[in-house]
């Protein structure tokens, strides 16, 4: 199971959108699309800028961050969402925090 946590393009805690933020989100969405095409991966994308995913997704991401030893980031997640997303968890373990690799690199590292 691969979980991708995607924050909003513009978070009120971090100002408006930036090209760097847009690039991160674009890469996360590209990874999601590539994983959905590969039958070997079950994918759950958390769109944390949307009400339907926000609360449950924030709880899940906070738990992963705590498990990865990122206690300060987990405790302040609502205020540091742009720093913590996009993030990727694979089989219950947080593998990438605040960055998402290109799909080719992800597949290479996943074996």
PDB file of N, CA and C in Angstrom:
ATOM      1  N   UNK A   1       0.848  -1.179   0.000  1.00  0.00           N
ATOM      2  CA  UNK A   1       0.000   0.000   0.000  1.00  0.00           C
ATOM      3  C   UNK A   1       0.891   1.238   0.000  1.00  0.00           C
ATOM      4  N   UNK A   2       0.608   2.136  -0.907  1.00  0.00           N
ATOM      5  CA  UNK A   2       1.322   3.404  -0.997  1.00  0.00           C
ATOM      6  C   UNK A   2       0.331   4.519  -0.678  1.00  0.00           C
ATOM      7  N   UNK A   3       0.702   5.363   0.281  1.00  0.00           N
ATOM      8  CA  UNK A   3      -0.118   6.516   0.629  1.00  0.00           C
ATOM      9  C   UNK A   3       0.669   7.772   0.265  1.00  0.00           C
ATOM     10  N   UNK A   4       0.034   8.649  -0.486  1.00  0.00           N
ATOM     11  CA  UNK A   4       0.657   9.897  -0.885  1.00  0.00           C
ATOM     12  C   UNK A   4      -0.136  11.033  -0.241  1.00  0.00           C
ATOM     13  N   UNK A   5       0.559  11.850   0.526  1.00  0.00           N
ATOM     14  CA  UNK A   5      -0.066  12.974   1.208  1.00  0.00           C
ATOM     15  C   UNK A   5       0.266  14.241   0.423  1.00  0.00           C
ATOM     16  N   UNK A   6      -0.761  14.875  -0.126  1.00  0.00           N
ATOM     17  CA  UNK A   6      -0.583  16.049  -0.972  1.00  0.00           C
ATOM     18  C   UNK A   6      -1.288  17.227  -0.307  1.00  0.00           C
ATOM     19  N   UNK A   7      -0.503  18.226   0.040  1.00  0.00           N
ATOM     20  CA  UNK A   7      -1.055  19.426   0.656  1.00  0.00           C
ATOM     21  C   UNK A   7      -1.580  20.374  -0.397  1.00  0.00           C
ATOM     22  N   UNK A   8      -2.208  21.441   0.029  1.00  0.00           N
ATOM     23  CA  UNK A   8      -2.751  22.428  -0.912  1.00  0.00           C
ATOM     24  C   UNK A   8      -1.639  23.223  -1.583  1.00  0.00           C
ATOM     25  N   UNK A   9      -1.927  23.785  -2.727  1.00  0.00           N
ATOM     26  CA  UNK A   9      -0.947  24.609  -3.433  1.00  0.00           C
ATOM     27  C   UNK A   9      -0.612  25.847  -2.608  1.00  0.00           C
ATOM     28  N   UNK A  10      -1.585  26.387  -1.924  1.00  0.00           N
ATOM     29  CA  UNK A  10      -1.358  27.562  -1.082  1.00  0.00           C
ATOM     30  C   UNK A  10      -1.986  27.314   0.279  1.00  0.00           C
ATOM     31  N   UNK A  11      -1.157  27.212   1.271  1.00  0.00           N
ATOM     32  CA  UNK A  11      -1.627  27.007   2.642  1.00  0.00           C
ATOM     33  C   UNK A  11      -1.631  28.371   3.331  1.00  0.00           C
ATOM     34  N   UNK A  12      -2.673  28.686   4.062  1.00  0.00           N
ATOM     35  CA  UNK A  12      -2.753  29.985   4.716  1.00  0.00           C
ATOM     36  C   UNK A  12      -1.592  30.218   5.673  1.00  0.00           C
ATOM     37  N   UNK A  13      -0.989  29.137   6.182  1.00  0.00           N
ATOM     38  CA  UNK A  13       0.120  29.287   7.118  1.00  0.00           C
ATOM     39  C   UNK A  13       1.423  29.611   6.403  1.00  0.00           C
ATOM     40  N   UNK A  14       1.490  29.458   5.085  1.00  0.00           N
ATOM     41  CA  UNK A  14       2.756  29.631   4.380  1.00  0.00           C
ATOM     42  C   UNK A  14       2.676  30.600   3.215  1.00  0.00           C
ATOM     43  N   UNK A  15       1.630  31.358   3.133  1.00  0.00           N
ATOM     44  CA  UNK A  15       1.517  32.321   2.040  1.00  0.00           C
ATOM     45  C   UNK A  15       0.966  31.699   0.779  1.00  0.00           C
ATOM     46  N   UNK A  16       1.155  32.400  -0.298  1.00  0.00           N
ATOM     47  CA  UNK A  16       0.597  31.981  -1.576  1.00  0.00           C
ATOM     48  C   UNK A  16       1.402  30.902  -2.268  1.00  0.00           C
ATOM     49  N   UNK A  17       0.916  30.488  -3.430  1.00  0.00           N
ATOM     50  CA  UNK A  17       1.588  29.433  -4.187  1.00  0.00           C
ATOM     51  C   UNK A  17       2.933  29.914  -4.729  1.00  0.00           C
ATOM     52  N   UNK A  18       3.851  28.982  -4.865  1.00  0.00           N
ATOM     53  CA  UNK A  18       5.158  29.276  -5.442  1.00  0.00           C
ATOM     54  C   UNK A  18       5.436  28.253  -6.534  1.00  0.00           C
ATOM     55  N   UNK A  19       6.320  28.564  -7.460  1.00  0.00           N
ATOM     56  CA  UNK A  19       6.685  27.575  -8.487  1.00  0.00           C
ATOM     57  C   UNK A  19       7.261  26.291  -7.884  1.00  0.00           C
ATOM     58  N   UNK A  20       8.042  26.419  -6.824  1.00  0.00           N
ATOM     59  CA  UNK A  20       8.621  25.228  -6.187  1.00  0.00           C
ATOM     60  C   UNK A  20       7.525  24.345  -5.593  1.00  0.00           C
ATOM     61  N   UNK A  21       6.540  24.961  -4.963  1.00  0.00           N
ATOM     62  CA  UNK A  21       5.426  24.206  -4.376  1.00  0.00           C
ATOM     63  C   UNK A  21       4.623  23.526  -5.481  1.00  0.00           C
ATOM     64  N   UNK A  22       4.370  24.249  -6.557  1.00  0.00           N
ATOM     65  CA  UNK A  22       3.638  23.675  -7.680  1.00  0.00           C
ATOM     66  C   UNK A  22       4.386  22.481  -8.252  1.00  0.00           C
ATOM     67  N   UNK A  23       5.701  22.563  -8.356  1.00  0.00           N
ATOM     68  CA  UNK A  23       6.507  21.457  -8.875  1.00  0.00           C
ATOM     69  C   UNK A  23       6.390  20.230  -7.978  1.00  0.00           C
ATOM     70  N   UNK A  24       6.425  20.423  -6.676  1.00  0.00           N
ATOM     71  CA  UNK A  24       6.281  19.301  -5.742  1.00  0.00           C
ATOM     72  C   UNK A  24       4.922  18.617  -5.907  1.00  0.00           C
ATOM     73  N   UNK A  25       3.881  19.412  -6.020  1.00  0.00           N
ATOM     74  CA  UNK A  25       2.536  18.853  -6.166  1.00  0.00           C
ATOM     75  C   UNK A  25       2.394  18.149  -7.512  1.00  0.00           C
ATOM     76  N   UNK A  26       2.951  18.733  -8.551  1.00  0.00           N
ATOM     77  CA  UNK A  26       2.910  18.103  -9.875  1.00  0.00           C
ATOM     78  C   UNK A  26       3.607  16.750  -9.847  1.00  0.00           C
ATOM     79  N   UNK A  27       4.765  16.676  -9.187  1.00  0.00           N
ATOM     80  CA  UNK A  27       5.499  15.415  -9.086  1.00  0.00           C
ATOM     81  C   UNK A  27       4.699  14.379  -8.282  1.00  0.00           C
ATOM     82  N   UNK A  28       4.029  14.821  -7.220  1.00  0.00           N
ATOM     83  CA  UNK A  28       3.214  13.906  -6.408  1.00  0.00           C
ATOM     84  C   UNK A  28       2.047  13.353  -7.225  1.00  0.00           C
ATOM     85  N   UNK A  29       1.401  14.204  -7.995  1.00  0.00           N
ATOM     86  CA  UNK A  29       0.281  13.753  -8.825  1.00  0.00           C
ATOM     87  C   UNK A  29       0.759  12.824  -9.944  1.00  0.00           C
ATOM     88  N   UNK A  30       1.947  13.085 -10.476  1.00  0.00           N
ATOM     89  CA  UNK A  30       2.510  12.202 -11.501  1.00  0.00           C
ATOM     90  C   UNK A  30       2.835  10.827 -10.909  1.00  0.00           C
ATOM     91  N   UNK A  31       3.369  10.805  -9.689  1.00  0.00           N
ATOM     92  CA  UNK A  31       3.645   9.519  -9.036  1.00  0.00           C
ATOM     93  C   UNK A  31       2.338   8.770  -8.798  1.00  0.00           C
ATOM     94  N   UNK A  32       1.333   9.468  -8.329  1.00  0.00           N
ATOM     95  CA  UNK A  32       0.013   8.843  -8.107  1.00  0.00           C
ATOM     96  C   UNK A  32      -0.497   8.214  -9.398  1.00  0.00           C
ATOM     97  N   UNK A  33      -0.435   8.950 -10.498  1.00  0.00           N
ATOM     98  CA  UNK A  33      -0.916   8.435 -11.786  1.00  0.00           C
ATOM     99  C   UNK A  33      -0.111   7.220 -12.231  1.00  0.00           C
ATOM    100  N   UNK A  34       1.204   7.267 -12.066  1.00  0.00           N
ATOM    101  CA  UNK A  34       2.045   6.141 -12.465  1.00  0.00           C
ATOM    102  C   UNK A  34       1.751   4.903 -11.619  1.00  0.00           C
ATOM    103  N   UNK A  35       1.535   5.085 -10.330  1.00  0.00           N
ATOM    104  CA  UNK A  35       1.234   3.955  -9.446  1.00  0.00           C
ATOM    105  C   UNK A  35      -0.130   3.356  -9.757  1.00  0.00           C
ATOM    106  N   UNK A  36      -1.079   4.196 -10.102  1.00  0.00           N
ATOM    107  CA  UNK A  36      -2.422   3.709 -10.433  1.00  0.00           C
ATOM    108  C   UNK A  36      -2.419   2.895 -11.721  1.00  0.00           C
ATOM    109  N   UNK A  37      -1.489   3.178 -12.621  1.00  0.00           N
ATOM    110  CA  UNK A  37      -1.377   2.409 -13.866  1.00  0.00           C
ATOM    111  C   UNK A  37      -0.727   1.054 -13.646  1.00  0.00           C
ATOM    112  N   UNK A  38       0.067   0.935 -12.574  1.00  0.00           N
ATOM    113  CA  UNK A  38       0.782  -0.308 -12.282  1.00  0.00           C
ATOM    114  C   UNK A  38      -0.085  -1.147 -11.346  1.00  0.00           C
ATOM    115  N   UNK A  39      -0.515  -2.306 -11.787  1.00  0.00           N
ATOM    116  CA  UNK A  39      -1.419  -3.150 -11.002  1.00  0.00           C
ATOM    117  C   UNK A  39      -0.781  -3.673  -9.723  1.00  0.00           C
ATOM    118  N   UNK A  40       0.526  -3.526  -9.571  1.00  0.00           N
ATOM    119  CA  UNK A  40       1.212  -4.048  -8.392  1.00  0.00           C
ATOM    120  C   UNK A  40       1.109  -3.165  -7.161  1.00  0.00           C
ATOM    121  N   UNK A  41       0.519  -1.999  -7.281  1.00  0.00           N
ATOM    122  CA  UNK A  41       0.446  -1.069  -6.163  1.00  0.00           C
ATOM    123  C   UNK A  41      -0.986  -0.696  -5.844  1.00  0.00           C
ATOM    124  N   UNK A  42      -1.322  -0.743  -4.567  1.00  0.00           N
ATOM    125  CA  UNK A  42      -2.575  -0.179  -4.075  1.00  0.00           C
ATOM    126  C   UNK A  42      -2.230   1.239  -3.625  1.00  0.00           C
ATOM    127  N   UNK A  43      -2.974   2.228  -4.091  1.00  0.00           N
ATOM    128  CA  UNK A  43      -2.624   3.625  -3.847  1.00  0.00           C
ATOM    129  C   UNK A  43      -3.764   4.346  -3.141  1.00  0.00           C
ATOM    130  N   UNK A  44      -3.393   5.149  -2.152  1.00  0.00           N
ATOM    131  CA  UNK A  44      -4.355   6.045  -1.487  1.00  0.00           C
ATOM    132  C   UNK A  44      -3.725   7.425  -1.496  1.00  0.00           C
ATOM    133  N   UNK A  45      -4.325   8.350  -2.187  1.00  0.00           N
ATOM    134  CA  UNK A  45      -3.840   9.728  -2.205  1.00  0.00           C
ATOM    135  C   UNK A  45      -4.700  10.560  -1.265  1.00  0.00           C
ATOM    136  N   UNK A  46      -4.054  11.208  -0.330  1.00  0.00           N
ATOM    137  CA  UNK A  46      -4.729  12.095   0.605  1.00  0.00           C
ATOM    138  C   UNK A  46      -4.573  13.524   0.092  1.00  0.00           C
ATOM    139  N   UNK A  47      -5.645  14.140  -0.298  1.00  0.00           N
ATOM    140  CA  UNK A  47      -5.631  15.521  -0.785  1.00  0.00           C
ATOM    141  C   UNK A  47      -5.969  16.414   0.407  1.00  0.00           C
ATOM    142  N   UNK A  48      -4.945  16.846   1.115  1.00  0.00           N
ATOM    143  CA  UNK A  48      -5.151  17.536   2.382  1.00  0.00           C
ATOM    144  C   UNK A  48      -5.701  18.946   2.238  1.00  0.00           C
ATOM    145  N   UNK A  49      -5.825  19.423   1.025  1.00  0.00           N
ATOM    146  CA  UNK A  49      -6.463  20.710   0.790  1.00  0.00           C
ATOM    147  C   UNK A  49      -7.967  20.591   0.623  1.00  0.00           C
ATOM    148  N   UNK A  50      -8.475  19.370   0.655  1.00  0.00           N
ATOM    149  CA  UNK A  50      -9.911  19.131   0.473  1.00  0.00           C
ATOM    150  C   UNK A  50     -10.542  18.681   1.790  1.00  0.00           C
ATOM    151  N   UNK A  51     -11.701  19.194   2.079  1.00  0.00           N
ATOM    152  CA  UNK A  51     -12.370  18.885   3.341  1.00  0.00           C
ATOM    153  C   UNK A  51     -12.550  17.394   3.571  1.00  0.00           C
ATOM    154  N   UNK A  52     -12.876  16.643   2.532  1.00  0.00           N
ATOM    155  CA  UNK A  52     -13.161  15.213   2.683  1.00  0.00           C
ATOM    156  C   UNK A  52     -11.946  14.432   3.185  1.00  0.00           C
ATOM    157  N   UNK A  53     -10.738  14.860   2.854  1.00  0.00           N
ATOM    158  CA  UNK A  53      -9.525  14.141   3.249  1.00  0.00           C
ATOM    159  C   UNK A  53      -8.790  14.776   4.421  1.00  0.00           C
ATOM    160  N   UNK A  54      -9.124  15.996   4.762  1.00  0.00           N
ATOM    161  CA  UNK A  54      -8.288  16.772   5.674  1.00  0.00           C
ATOM    162  C   UNK A  54      -8.089  16.111   7.043  1.00  0.00           C
ATOM    163  N   UNK A  55      -9.140  15.914   7.792  1.00  0.00           N
ATOM    164  CA  UNK A  55      -8.988  15.433   9.175  1.00  0.00           C
ATOM    165  C   UNK A  55      -8.355  14.057   9.251  1.00  0.00           C
ATOM    166  N   UNK A  56      -8.901  13.099   8.515  1.00  0.00           N
ATOM    167  CA  UNK A  56      -8.366  11.734   8.565  1.00  0.00           C
ATOM    168  C   UNK A  56      -6.943  11.685   7.994  1.00  0.00           C
ATOM    169  N   UNK A  57      -6.711  12.403   6.921  1.00  0.00           N
ATOM    170  CA  UNK A  57      -5.387  12.447   6.314  1.00  0.00           C
ATOM    171  C   UNK A  57      -4.358  13.083   7.228  1.00  0.00           C
ATOM    172  N   UNK A  58      -4.742  14.152   7.918  1.00  0.00           N
ATOM    173  CA  UNK A  58      -3.830  14.800   8.868  1.00  0.00           C
ATOM    174  C   UNK A  58      -3.490  13.854  10.017  1.00  0.00           C
ATOM    175  N   UNK A  59      -4.476  13.111  10.511  1.00  0.00           N
ATOM    176  CA  UNK A  59      -4.207  12.132  11.579  1.00  0.00           C
ATOM    177  C   UNK A  59      -3.235  11.066  11.099  1.00  0.00           C
ATOM    178  N   UNK A  60      -3.473  10.576   9.886  1.00  0.00           N
ATOM    179  CA  UNK A  60      -2.603   9.532   9.338  1.00  0.00           C
ATOM    180  C   UNK A  60      -1.174  10.055   9.149  1.00  0.00           C
ATOM    181  N   UNK A  61      -1.039  11.232   8.556  1.00  0.00           N
ATOM    182  CA  UNK A  61       0.287  11.803   8.333  1.00  0.00           C
ATOM    183  C   UNK A  61       0.981  12.099   9.660  1.00  0.00           C
ATOM    184  N   UNK A  62       0.249  12.634  10.622  1.00  0.00           N
ATOM    185  CA  UNK A  62       0.822  12.914  11.944  1.00  0.00           C
ATOM    186  C   UNK A  62       1.359  11.617  12.567  1.00  0.00           C
ATOM    187  N   UNK A  63       0.607  10.540  12.454  1.00  0.00           N
ATOM    188  CA  UNK A  63       1.062   9.254  12.987  1.00  0.00           C
ATOM    189  C   UNK A  63       2.329   8.764  12.308  1.00  0.00           C
ATOM    190  N   UNK A  64       2.386   8.906  10.986  1.00  0.00           N
ATOM    191  CA  UNK A  64       3.592   8.508  10.260  1.00  0.00           C
ATOM    192  C   UNK A  64       4.787   9.360  10.670  1.00  0.00           C
ATOM    193  N   UNK A  65       4.570  10.667  10.810  1.00  0.00           N
ATOM    194  CA  UNK A  65       5.660  11.561  11.202  1.00  0.00           C
ATOM    195  C   UNK A  65       6.176  11.200  12.589  1.00  0.00           C
ATOM    196  N   UNK A  66       5.273  10.937  13.519  1.00  0.00           N
ATOM    197  CA  UNK A  66       5.686  10.544  14.863  1.00  0.00           C
ATOM    198  C   UNK A  66       6.483   9.242  14.817  1.00  0.00           C
ATOM    199  N   UNK A  67       6.020   8.286  14.016  1.00  0.00           N
ATOM    200  CA  UNK A  67       6.714   7.007  13.883  1.00  0.00           C
ATOM    201  C   UNK A  67       8.097   7.153  13.272  1.00  0.00           C
ATOM    202  N   UNK A  68       8.275   8.199  12.468  1.00  0.00           N
ATOM    203  CA  UNK A  68       9.570   8.448  11.826  1.00  0.00           C
ATOM    204  C   UNK A  68      10.478   9.316  12.697  1.00  0.00           C
ATOM    205  N   UNK A  69      10.015   9.657  13.899  1.00  0.00           N
ATOM    206  CA  UNK A  69      10.817  10.479  14.797  1.00  0.00           C
ATOM    207  C   UNK A  69      10.742  11.968  14.507  1.00  0.00           C
ATOM    208  N   UNK A  70       9.830  12.375  13.645  1.00  0.00           N
ATOM    209  CA  UNK A  70       9.647  13.788  13.289  1.00  0.00           C
ATOM    210  C   UNK A  70       8.605  14.418  14.218  1.00  0.00           C
ATOM    211  N   UNK A  71       8.898  14.386  15.516  1.00  0.00           N
ATOM    212  CA  UNK A  71       7.934  14.803  16.532  1.00  0.00           C
ATOM    213  C   UNK A  71       7.530  16.265  16.407  1.00  0.00           C
ATOM    214  N   UNK A  72       8.488  17.151  16.224  1.00  0.00           N
ATOM    215  CA  UNK A  72       8.174  18.576  16.137  1.00  0.00           C
ATOM    216  C   UNK A  72       7.304  18.876  14.923  1.00  0.00           C
ATOM    217  N   UNK A  73       7.628  18.267  13.794  1.00  0.00           N
ATOM    218  CA  UNK A  73       6.828  18.455  12.592  1.00  0.00           C
ATOM    219  C   UNK A  73       5.418  17.911  12.805  1.00  0.00           C
ATOM    220  N   UNK A  74       5.311  16.760  13.465  1.00  0.00           N
ATOM    221  CA  UNK A  74       4.005  16.159  13.738  1.00  0.00           C
ATOM    222  C   UNK A  74       3.168  17.043  14.654  1.00  0.00           C
ATOM    223  N   UNK A  75       3.793  17.584  15.695  1.00  0.00           N
ATOM    224  CA  UNK A  75       3.067  18.410  16.663  1.00  0.00           C
ATOM    225  C   UNK A  75       2.567  19.711  16.044  1.00  0.00           C
ATOM    226  N   UNK A  76       3.289  20.227  15.063  1.00  0.00           N
ATOM    227  CA  UNK A  76       2.937  21.505  14.443  1.00  0.00           C
ATOM    228  C   UNK A  76       2.427  21.338  13.017  1.00  0.00           C
ATOM    229  N   UNK A  77       1.899  20.174  12.711  1.00  0.00           N
ATOM    230  CA  UNK A  77       1.529  19.844  11.341  1.00  0.00           C
ATOM    231  C   UNK A  77       0.575  20.848  10.704  1.00  0.00           C
ATOM    232  N   UNK A  78      -0.399  21.309  11.433  1.00  0.00           N
ATOM    233  CA  UNK A  78      -1.367  22.255  10.873  1.00  0.00           C
ATOM    234  C   UNK A  78      -0.687  23.549  10.432  1.00  0.00           C
ATOM    235  N   UNK A  79       0.438  23.882  11.057  1.00  0.00           N
ATOM    236  CA  UNK A  79       1.152  25.114  10.731  1.00  0.00           C
ATOM    237  C   UNK A  79       2.345  24.887   9.811  1.00  0.00           C
ATOM    238  N   UNK A  80       2.694  23.622   9.578  1.00  0.00           N
ATOM    239  CA  UNK A  80       3.860  23.315   8.744  1.00  0.00           C
ATOM    240  C   UNK A  80       3.510  22.324   7.646  1.00  0.00           C
ATOM    241  N   UNK A  81       2.277  22.379   7.198  1.00  0.00           N
ATOM    242  CA  UNK A  81       1.788  21.433   6.203  1.00  0.00           C
ATOM    243  C   UNK A  81       2.610  21.488   4.913  1.00  0.00           C
ATOM    244  N   UNK A  82       3.008  22.691   4.499  1.00  0.00           N
ATOM    245  CA  UNK A  82       3.805  22.796   3.278  1.00  0.00           C
ATOM    246  C   UNK A  82       5.174  22.145   3.433  1.00  0.00           C
ATOM    247  N   UNK A  83       5.728  22.132   4.632  1.00  0.00           N
ATOM    248  CA  UNK A  83       7.016  21.479   4.866  1.00  0.00           C
ATOM    249  C   UNK A  83       6.876  19.960   4.891  1.00  0.00           C
ATOM    250  N   UNK A  84       5.724  19.486   5.332  1.00  0.00           N
ATOM    251  CA  UNK A  84       5.521  18.051   5.501  1.00  0.00           C
ATOM    252  C   UNK A  84       4.945  17.366   4.269  1.00  0.00           C
ATOM    253  N   UNK A  85       4.483  18.149   3.309  1.00  0.00           N
ATOM    254  CA  UNK A  85       3.887  17.555   2.107  1.00  0.00           C
ATOM    255  C   UNK A  85       4.577  18.091   0.875  1.00  0.00           C
ATOM    256  N   UNK A  86       4.565  17.308  -0.171  1.00  0.00           N
ATOM    257  CA  UNK A  86       4.018  15.958  -0.245  1.00  0.00           C
ATOM    258  C   UNK A  86       4.918  14.968   0.485  1.00  0.00           C
ATOM    259  N   UNK A  87       4.320  13.918   0.968  1.00  0.00           N
ATOM    260  CA  UNK A  87       5.035  12.832   1.628  1.00  0.00           C
ATOM    261  C   UNK A  87       4.482  11.512   1.132  1.00  0.00           C
ATOM    262  N   UNK A  88       5.294  10.463   1.258  1.00  0.00           N
ATOM    263  CA  UNK A  88       4.886   9.147   0.774  1.00  0.00           C
ATOM    264  C   UNK A  88       5.191   8.090   1.831  1.00  0.00           C
ATOM    265  N   UNK A  89       4.182   7.289   2.135  1.00  0.00           N
ATOM    266  CA  UNK A  89       4.350   6.137   3.019  1.00  0.00           C
ATOM    267  C   UNK A  89       4.167   4.884   2.177  1.00  0.00           C
ATOM    268  N   UNK A  90       5.024   3.896   2.431  1.00  0.00           N
ATOM    269  CA  UNK A  90       4.951   2.628   1.714  1.00  0.00           C
ATOM    270  C   UNK A  90       4.843   1.514   2.750  1.00  0.00           C
ATOM    271  N   UNK A  91       3.779   0.742   2.643  1.00  0.00           N
ATOM    272  CA  UNK A  91       3.536  -0.377   3.555  1.00  0.00           C
ATOM    273  C   UNK A  91       3.686   0.031   5.015  1.00  0.00           C
ATOM    274  N   UNK A  92       3.078   1.163   5.369  1.00  0.00           N
ATOM    275  CA  UNK A  92       3.040   1.598   6.757  1.00  0.00           C
ATOM    276  C   UNK A  92       4.278   2.324   7.254  1.00  0.00           C
ATOM    277  N   UNK A  93       5.220   2.630   6.367  1.00  0.00           N
ATOM    278  CA  UNK A  93       6.438   3.334   6.763  1.00  0.00           C
ATOM    279  C   UNK A  93       6.619   4.577   5.911  1.00  0.00           C
ATOM    280  N   UNK A  94       6.871   5.704   6.578  1.00  0.00           N
ATOM    281  CA  UNK A  94       7.081   6.953   5.865  1.00  0.00           C
ATOM    282  C   UNK A  94       8.445   6.918   5.187  1.00  0.00           C
ATOM    283  N   UNK A  95       8.440   7.021   3.859  1.00  0.00           N
ATOM    284  CA  UNK A  95       9.679   6.924   3.079  1.00  0.00           C
ATOM    285  C   UNK A  95      10.187   8.278   2.618  1.00  0.00           C
ATOM    286  N   UNK A  96       9.285   9.194   2.336  1.00  0.00           N
ATOM    287  CA  UNK A  96       9.654  10.511   1.822  1.00  0.00           C
ATOM    288  C   UNK A  96       8.855  11.565   2.575  1.00  0.00           C
ATOM    289  N   UNK A  97       9.543  12.598   3.050  1.00  0.00           N
ATOM    290  CA  UNK A  97       8.891  13.680   3.786  1.00  0.00           C
ATOM    291  C   UNK A  97       9.172  14.994   3.069  1.00  0.00           C
ATOM    292  N   UNK A  98       8.117  15.650   2.641  1.00  0.00           N
ATOM    293  CA  UNK A  98       8.248  16.957   2.013  1.00  0.00           C
ATOM    294  C   UNK A  98       8.747  16.921   0.585  1.00  0.00           C
ATOM    295  N   UNK A  99       8.967  15.758   0.062  1.00  0.00           N
ATOM    296  CA  UNK A  99       9.443  15.574  -1.314  1.00  0.00           C
ATOM    297  C   UNK A  99       8.881  14.259  -1.839  1.00  0.00           C
ATOM    298  N   UNK A 100       8.713  14.195  -3.122  1.00  0.00           N
ATOM    299  CA  UNK A 100       8.287  12.960  -3.778  1.00  0.00           C
ATOM    300  C   UNK A 100       9.247  12.722  -4.932  1.00  0.00           C
ATOM    301  N   UNK A 101       9.782  11.518  -5.029  1.00  0.00           N
ATOM    302  CA  UNK A 101      10.694  11.256  -6.143  1.00  0.00           C
ATOM    303  C   UNK A 101       9.940  11.140  -7.465  1.00  0.00           C
ATOM    304  N   UNK A 102      10.654  11.289  -8.545  1.00  0.00           N
ATOM    305  CA  UNK A 102      10.066  11.012  -9.856  1.00  0.00           C
ATOM    306  C   UNK A 102       9.624   9.550  -9.855  1.00  0.00           C
ATOM    307  N   UNK A 103       8.606   9.254 -10.625  1.00  0.00           N
ATOM    308  CA  UNK A 103       8.054   7.897 -10.653  1.00  0.00           C
ATOM    309  C   UNK A 103       9.129   6.858 -10.973  1.00  0.00           C
ATOM    310  N   UNK A 104      10.021   7.148 -11.925  1.00  0.00           N
ATOM    311  CA  UNK A 104      11.064   6.193 -12.304  1.00  0.00           C
ATOM    312  C   UNK A 104      11.952   5.847 -11.112  1.00  0.00           C
ATOM    313  N   UNK A 105      12.330   6.858 -10.337  1.00  0.00           N
ATOM    314  CA  UNK A 105      13.170   6.619  -9.163  1.00  0.00           C
ATOM    315  C   UNK A 105      12.409   5.836  -8.112  1.00  0.00           C
ATOM    316  N   UNK A 106      11.130   6.155  -7.915  1.00  0.00           N
ATOM    317  CA  UNK A 106      10.313   5.427  -6.947  1.00  0.00           C
ATOM    318  C   UNK A 106      10.272   3.943  -7.300  1.00  0.00           C
ATOM    319  N   UNK A 107       9.991   3.630  -8.563  1.00  0.00           N
ATOM    320  CA  UNK A 107       9.917   2.241  -8.994  1.00  0.00           C
ATOM    321  C   UNK A 107      11.274   1.546  -8.829  1.00  0.00           C
ATOM    322  N   UNK A 108      12.333   2.251  -9.123  1.00  0.00           N
ATOM    323  CA  UNK A 108      13.681   1.691  -8.978  1.00  0.00           C
ATOM    324  C   UNK A 108      13.974   1.371  -7.514  1.00  0.00           C
ATOM    325  N   UNK A 109      13.661   2.297  -6.626  1.00  0.00           N
ATOM    326  CA  UNK A 109      13.909   2.093  -5.201  1.00  0.00           C
ATOM    327  C   UNK A 109      12.974   1.047  -4.602  1.00  0.00           C
ATOM    328  N   UNK A 110      11.763   0.923  -5.140  1.00  0.00           N
ATOM    329  CA  UNK A 110      10.801  -0.055  -4.636  1.00  0.00           C
ATOM    330  C   UNK A 110      11.145  -1.471  -5.108  1.00  0.00           C
ATOM    331  N   UNK A 111      11.973  -1.543  -6.137  1.00  0.00           N
ATOM    332  CA  UNK A 111      12.377  -2.859  -6.637  1.00  0.00           C
ATOM    333  C   UNK A 111      11.322  -3.424  -7.515  1.00  0.00           C
TER     334      UNK A 111
END
